[in-house]
Amino acid sequence: MAFQKDCDGQRPPSLSSGQPRIVENRSSSRKTQSQQSHDFPFVNIMYDRRVVRGNTRRVNMKQLLSQPDVPKIQRQQEIRRKAVPRKRSSDQTRVLRTPKSLQGRKHVDVQTEYYLEELNDVIDTNNIDCQTDAFLDRPSTPLFTPPKFGENVGTQIEEGELFDFDREVQPSLEVLVVKTMEQALLEVMEEEELACLRAQQRAFHEVRNAELAEVHRLEQQERRRNEEKESRYAQQRETLQKEKEVVEKISAVAYTQQYMADLVPEVFTSLKSHGYLSGDAVKKDIETNFVPWLMAEVNSNMEMSRAARELLDMVIYTATQN
């Protein structure tokens, strides 16, 4: 039996699905479906405007997408047409709704017309009881027993014909003992091998540490040797530079002495010939010693007299102010 989907998009339950189920919240499911259809407008490929039907060589996708979606517009109009009476009925229900009665009271029908009418539509009712039988417990379902087929055949087995423990267990026991001994020997050999590896590793680490220390010592020794060599080279270069400077100075002094040996007598001779060294000694002494001393004394006296005049002027000014 084939089933189709209902308007809410849910598949109806099959006949063998157990207890019947109540379909609730249809409005919410319709709302969800409308929201989904709004979010994903092309759910069915038959109504998708992007799917081109017919000849696809001369079809412009922009024009095709710009055309109005007729099925979608029809669905929206149908939804609006159904929403108008539903809204009207909800408004009427909201207007005609009566609030709940207070505790201990109840509502009664009251005529609100201008003219009272007699109510004759009272239906006569009678109460009738009916006794039903008690429910009987359902018997338990018997276990499924498959039907028998074939023939029954029996065989007599005497004691000791199938299994002798002492004889059958010996090979298994030998295998277990041999495997256990082999496993134990392998574990002992592995432990010895690991111990040898650890000893070799310790010896290797000791030798490597000693070699690293020796290499570090040699590197330090080589570094100190290089530093001392560089310092010796610097001292030697400095010594050679100083010796070169001393030699140049000695050469310059010797050249200067050799050049000035004949220059000094010629200068004195020229000065004497021009009359610079032939003057009176007293006159020279007065010009060089007495005149500067005299000018210094005159200047000091002038300064003292000027200071005295300024002091006298200040005293007179102070007296006049007082």
Protein backbone atom coordinates (compact mmCIF):
# COMPACT_ATOMS: atom_id res chain seq x y z
CA MET A 1 0.00 0.00 0.00
CA ALA A 2 1.51 3.34 -1.07
CA PHE A 3 1.26 6.52 1.01
CA GLN A 4 1.69 10.14 -0.02
CA LYS A 5 2.88 13.09 2.07
CA ASP A 6 0.22 15.25 3.66
CA CYS A 7 0.06 19.03 3.57
CA ASP A 8 2.46 19.38 6.55
CA GLY A 9 5.26 17.52 4.79
CA GLN A 10 5.03 14.55 7.21
CA ARG A 11 4.71 10.92 6.12
CA PRO A 12 1.58 9.22 7.52
CA PRO A 13 2.32 6.40 9.94
CA SER A 14 2.15 2.87 8.63
CA LEU A 15 -0.35 0.31 9.86
CA SER A 16 2.37 -1.64 11.66
CA SER A 17 3.88 1.32 13.53
CA GLY A 18 2.35 0.40 16.90
CA GLN A 19 0.15 2.80 18.83
CA PRO A 20 -1.60 5.65 16.92
CA ARG A 21 -0.06 9.12 17.25
CA ILE A 22 -1.84 12.47 17.58
CA VAL A 23 -0.84 15.13 15.10
CA GLU A 24 -0.36 18.37 17.05
CA ASN A 25 0.77 21.91 16.34
CA ARG A 26 -0.23 21.96 12.70
CA SER A 27 -0.08 25.74 12.60
CA SER A 28 3.51 25.76 13.81
CA SER A 29 4.45 23.10 11.26
CA ARG A 30 2.76 25.15 8.51
CA LYS A 31 4.60 28.23 9.77
CA THR A 32 7.88 26.34 9.78
CA GLN A 33 7.23 25.07 6.28
CA SER A 34 6.38 28.59 5.07
CA GLN A 35 9.53 29.94 6.70
CA GLN A 36 11.60 27.19 5.12
CA SER A 37 10.00 27.83 1.75
CA HIS A 38 10.72 31.56 2.23
CA ASP A 39 14.34 30.88 3.15
CA PHE A 40 14.78 28.34 0.34
CA PRO A 41 12.36 29.51 -2.39
CA PHE A 42 13.17 26.67 -4.82
CA VAL A 43 12.60 23.44 -2.93
CA ASN A 44 11.14 21.47 -5.82
CA ILE A 45 13.16 21.38 -9.03
CA MET A 46 9.94 21.43 -11.10
CA TYR A 47 9.21 25.00 -9.89
CA ASP A 48 12.79 26.29 -9.99
CA ARG A 49 13.13 29.17 -12.46
CA ARG A 50 16.84 28.52 -12.79
CA VAL A 51 16.16 25.13 -14.44
CA VAL A 52 15.83 25.77 -18.17
CA ARG A 53 13.29 23.70 -20.07
CA GLY A 54 13.35 23.15 -23.81
CA ASN A 55 16.07 24.52 -26.08
CA THR A 56 18.92 25.99 -23.99
CA ARG A 57 20.95 27.54 -26.83
CA ARG A 58 19.11 30.85 -27.12
CA VAL A 59 18.00 31.27 -23.50
CA ASN A 60 19.15 34.35 -21.61
CA MET A 61 19.45 33.49 -17.90
CA LYS A 62 19.09 37.16 -16.83
CA GLN A 63 15.79 37.50 -18.69
CA LEU A 64 14.67 34.12 -17.38
CA LEU A 65 15.44 35.08 -13.77
CA SER A 66 13.91 38.54 -14.19
CA GLN A 67 10.54 37.02 -15.18
CA PRO A 68 7.99 36.80 -12.35
CA ASP A 69 7.62 33.46 -10.59
CA VAL A 70 3.98 32.61 -11.29
CA PRO A 71 3.70 29.57 -8.94
CA LYS A 72 5.27 31.55 -6.10
CA ILE A 73 2.89 34.50 -6.64
CA GLN A 74 -0.08 32.11 -6.71
CA ARG A 75 1.03 30.48 -3.46
CA GLN A 76 1.42 33.89 -1.77
CA GLN A 77 -2.06 34.96 -2.95
CA GLU A 78 -3.53 31.69 -1.68
CA ILE A 79 -1.85 32.19 1.71
CA ARG A 80 -3.22 35.77 1.96
CA ARG A 81 -6.72 34.61 0.95
CA LYS A 82 -6.70 31.93 3.65
CA ALA A 83 -5.25 34.29 6.24
CA VAL A 84 -8.10 36.86 5.91
CA PRO A 85 -10.99 34.59 7.15
CA ARG A 86 -8.72 33.07 9.76
CA LYS A 87 -7.91 36.53 11.11
CA ARG A 88 -11.59 37.51 11.00
CA SER A 89 -12.63 34.38 12.91
CA SER A 90 -9.87 34.92 15.47
CA ASP A 91 -11.07 38.54 15.95
CA GLN A 92 -14.68 37.36 16.44
CA THR A 93 -13.53 34.69 18.88
CA ARG A 94 -11.50 37.26 20.75
CA VAL A 95 -14.53 39.58 20.97
CA LEU A 96 -17.07 36.90 22.00
CA ARG A 97 -14.79 35.17 24.47
CA THR A 98 -16.04 35.17 28.07
CA PRO A 99 -13.60 35.30 30.99
CA LYS A 100 -13.41 32.40 33.40
CA SER A 101 -15.68 32.33 36.41
CA LEU A 102 -14.44 33.06 39.90
CA GLN A 103 -13.72 30.34 42.40
CA GLY A 104 -16.95 28.91 43.83
CA ARG A 105 -19.13 30.35 41.02
CA LYS A 106 -20.21 29.24 37.59
CA HIS A 107 -21.55 30.83 34.42
CA VAL A 108 -25.22 30.53 33.40
CA ASP A 109 -26.93 31.43 30.14
CA VAL A 110 -28.64 34.85 30.33
CA GLN A 111 -30.81 36.49 27.66
CA THR A 112 -29.62 39.93 26.63
CA GLU A 113 -32.41 40.79 24.17
CA TYR A 114 -34.96 43.52 24.82
CA TYR A 115 -37.86 40.99 24.86
CA LEU A 116 -37.70 37.88 26.99
CA GLU A 117 -38.48 34.58 25.30
CA GLU A 118 -39.30 31.26 26.82
CA LEU A 119 -36.62 28.66 26.26
CA ASN A 120 -38.20 25.39 25.20
CA ASP A 121 -35.20 23.69 23.60
CA VAL A 122 -34.40 21.67 26.73
CA ILE A 123 -33.53 18.10 25.79
CA ASP A 124 -34.74 15.33 28.07
CA THR A 125 -31.90 13.05 29.15
CA ASN A 126 -31.85 9.74 31.04
CA ASN A 127 -28.90 8.10 32.78
CA ILE A 128 -28.39 4.41 32.01
CA ASP A 129 -25.64 2.28 33.53
CA CYS A 130 -23.95 -0.70 31.93
CA GLN A 131 -21.75 -3.25 33.66
CA THR A 132 -18.87 -4.66 31.66
CA ASP A 133 -16.90 -7.80 32.30
CA ALA A 134 -13.48 -7.56 33.97
CA PHE A 135 -10.43 -7.63 31.73
CA LEU A 136 -8.71 -10.97 31.54
CA ASP A 137 -4.93 -11.19 31.48
CA ARG A 138 -3.47 -12.11 28.14
CA PRO A 139 -1.70 -15.46 28.30
CA SER A 140 2.03 -15.46 27.71
CA THR A 141 3.22 -16.17 24.20
CA PRO A 142 4.63 -19.69 23.92
CA LEU A 143 8.20 -20.13 22.76
CA PHE A 144 8.75 -20.79 19.11
CA THR A 145 9.58 -24.41 18.49
CA PRO A 146 10.70 -25.27 14.99
CA PRO A 147 9.14 -28.35 13.50
CA LYS A 148 11.20 -31.53 13.48
CA PHE A 149 12.50 -33.01 10.26
CA GLY A 150 14.79 -35.94 9.50
CA GLU A 151 15.34 -39.18 11.43
CA ASN A 152 16.52 -39.63 15.04
CA VAL A 153 19.69 -41.74 15.32
CA GLY A 154 21.51 -42.63 18.57
CA THR A 155 25.10 -43.72 19.22
CA GLN A 156 26.48 -45.49 22.30
CA ILE A 157 29.85 -44.16 23.57
CA GLU A 158 31.68 -46.08 26.28
CA GLU A 159 33.85 -44.51 28.96
CA GLY A 160 37.34 -43.65 27.77
CA GLU A 161 36.63 -43.97 24.06
CA LEU A 162 36.69 -40.30 23.25
CA PHE A 163 39.20 -38.67 25.67
CA ASP A 164 42.00 -39.89 27.98
CA PHE A 165 43.15 -36.96 30.10
CA ASP A 166 46.57 -38.33 31.05
CA ARG A 167 47.40 -39.21 27.47
CA GLU A 168 45.82 -36.19 25.74
CA VAL A 169 47.11 -33.55 28.14
CA GLN A 170 50.79 -34.54 27.80
CA PRO A 171 51.45 -32.81 24.41
CA SER A 172 49.64 -29.66 25.52
CA LEU A 173 51.56 -29.65 28.80
CA GLU A 174 54.88 -30.12 27.00
CA VAL A 175 54.06 -27.27 24.63
CA LEU A 176 53.09 -25.00 27.53
CA VAL A 177 56.26 -25.82 29.49
CA VAL A 178 58.52 -25.37 26.44
CA LYS A 179 56.84 -22.08 25.48
CA THR A 180 57.09 -20.84 29.07
CA MET A 181 60.80 -21.74 29.26
CA GLU A 182 61.48 -20.13 25.89
CA GLN A 183 59.62 -16.99 26.93
CA ALA A 184 61.52 -16.87 30.23
CA LEU A 185 64.87 -17.36 28.44
CA LEU A 186 63.95 -14.64 25.94
CA GLU A 187 63.04 -12.24 28.75
CA VAL A 188 66.32 -13.01 30.58
CA MET A 189 68.30 -12.52 27.35
CA GLU A 190 66.48 -9.25 26.71
CA GLU A 191 67.26 -8.05 30.23
CA GLU A 192 70.95 -8.99 29.80
CA GLU A 193 71.04 -7.27 26.43
CA LEU A 194 69.41 -4.14 27.89
CA ALA A 195 71.94 -4.18 30.76
CA CYS A 196 74.83 -4.47 28.26
CA LEU A 197 73.34 -1.66 26.18
CA ARG A 198 73.01 0.55 29.25
CA ALA A 199 76.64 -0.20 30.26
CA GLN A 200 77.85 0.59 26.74
CA GLN A 201 75.77 3.75 26.76
CA ARG A 202 77.26 4.83 30.10
CA ALA A 203 80.79 4.11 28.83
CA PHE A 204 80.05 6.00 25.62
CA HIS A 205 78.71 8.97 27.58
CA GLU A 206 81.79 8.97 29.83
CA VAL A 207 84.16 8.84 26.87
CA ARG A 208 82.16 11.50 25.03
CA ASN A 209 82.13 13.78 28.10
CA ALA A 210 85.91 13.34 28.49
CA GLU A 211 86.43 14.08 24.79
CA LEU A 212 84.15 17.12 25.02
CA ALA A 213 86.11 18.40 28.03
CA GLU A 214 89.39 17.85 26.17
CA VAL A 215 88.03 19.58 23.08
CA HIS A 216 86.85 22.49 25.23
CA ARG A 217 90.30 22.70 26.86
CA LEU A 218 92.04 22.65 23.48
CA GLU A 219 89.67 25.30 22.16
CA GLN A 220 90.40 27.52 25.16
CA GLN A 221 94.14 26.94 24.75
CA GLU A 222 93.94 27.75 21.04
CA ARG A 223 91.87 30.85 21.78
CA ARG A 224 94.41 32.06 24.37
CA ARG A 225 97.24 31.35 21.95
CA ASN A 226 95.53 33.32 19.22
CA GLU A 227 94.83 36.21 21.58
CA GLU A 228 98.48 36.25 22.73
CA LYS A 229 99.65 36.10 19.11
CA GLU A 230 97.40 39.01 18.19
CA SER A 231 98.63 41.01 21.19
CA ARG A 232 102.26 40.27 20.24
CA TYR A 233 101.54 41.33 16.67
CA ALA A 234 99.94 44.55 17.96
CA GLN A 235 102.94 45.25 20.26
CA GLN A 236 105.38 44.58 17.44
CA ARG A 237 103.44 46.87 15.09
CA GLU A 238 103.36 49.58 17.80
CA THR A 239 107.11 49.17 18.43
CA LEU A 240 107.87 49.41 14.73
CA GLN A 241 105.66 52.51 14.47
CA LYS A 242 107.46 54.14 17.42
CA GLU A 243 110.87 53.25 15.98
CA LYS A 244 109.81 54.72 12.65
CA GLU A 245 108.61 57.91 14.38
CA VAL A 246 111.90 58.16 16.38
CA VAL A 247 113.93 57.69 13.20
CA GLU A 248 111.87 60.36 11.45
CA LYS A 249 112.30 62.77 14.40
CA ILE A 250 116.07 62.16 14.52
CA SER A 251 116.29 62.72 10.79
CA ALA A 252 114.22 65.92 11.10
CA VAL A 253 116.39 67.23 13.99
CA ALA A 254 119.61 66.43 12.10
CA TYR A 255 118.27 68.09 8.97
CA THR A 256 117.12 71.10 10.97
CA GLN A 257 120.49 71.44 12.72
CA GLN A 258 122.30 71.08 9.45
CA TYR A 259 120.00 73.68 7.85
CA MET A 260 120.15 76.12 10.80
CA ALA A 261 123.94 75.89 11.21
CA ASP A 262 124.53 78.42 8.44
CA LEU A 263 121.22 80.30 8.88
CA VAL A 264 121.82 81.73 12.42
CA PRO A 265 125.14 83.53 11.63
CA GLU A 266 123.63 84.93 8.47
CA VAL A 267 120.60 86.29 10.41
CA PHE A 268 122.77 87.95 13.06
CA THR A 269 125.00 89.40 10.39
CA SER A 270 121.98 90.79 8.53
CA LEU A 271 120.50 92.30 11.73
CA LYS A 272 123.80 93.94 12.61
CA SER A 273 124.14 95.28 9.11
CA HIS A 274 120.69 96.89 9.36
CA GLY A 275 121.51 98.47 12.77
CA TYR A 276 119.11 96.42 14.97
CA LEU A 277 121.84 95.02 17.24
CA SER A 278 124.24 98.04 17.39
CA GLY A 279 122.20 100.42 19.84
CA ASP A 280 122.98 101.63 23.39
CA ALA A 281 122.44 99.07 26.17
CA VAL A 282 121.02 101.68 28.59
CA LYS A 283 118.53 102.90 26.07
CA LYS A 284 117.51 99.37 25.34
CA ASP A 285 117.11 98.62 29.06
CA ILE A 286 114.97 101.77 29.55
CA GLU A 287 112.76 100.89 26.61
CA THR A 288 112.32 97.28 27.63
CA ASN A 289 112.18 97.50 31.44
CA PHE A 290 111.74 101.05 32.85
CA VAL A 291 109.08 102.41 30.53
CA PRO A 292 106.65 99.48 30.98
CA TRP A 293 107.11 99.64 34.79
CA LEU A 294 106.50 103.37 34.78
CA MET A 295 103.34 103.05 32.72
CA ALA A 296 102.04 100.34 35.06
CA GLU A 297 102.65 102.51 38.15
CA VAL A 298 100.98 105.55 36.54
CA ASN A 299 97.96 103.42 35.64
CA SER A 300 97.70 102.05 39.22
CA ASN A 301 97.86 105.58 40.67
CA MET A 302 95.23 106.81 38.26
CA GLU A 303 92.96 103.91 39.25
CA MET A 304 93.44 104.66 42.97
CA SER A 305 92.63 108.37 42.49
CA ARG A 306 89.58 107.51 40.43
CA ALA A 307 88.35 105.09 43.11
CA ALA A 308 88.91 107.75 45.81
CA ARG A 309 86.89 110.31 43.81
CA GLU A 310 84.04 107.83 43.34
CA LEU A 311 84.05 107.06 47.07
CA LEU A 312 84.00 110.78 47.94
CA ASP A 313 81.14 111.39 45.52
CA MET A 314 79.17 108.53 47.09
CA VAL A 315 79.73 109.88 50.61
CA ILE A 316 78.63 113.36 49.57
CA TYR A 317 75.53 111.95 47.83
CA THR A 318 74.61 109.93 50.90
CA ALA A 319 75.04 112.93 53.18
CA THR A 320 72.89 115.10 50.99
CA GLN A 321 70.18 112.45 50.85
CA ASN A 322 70.13 112.13 54.66
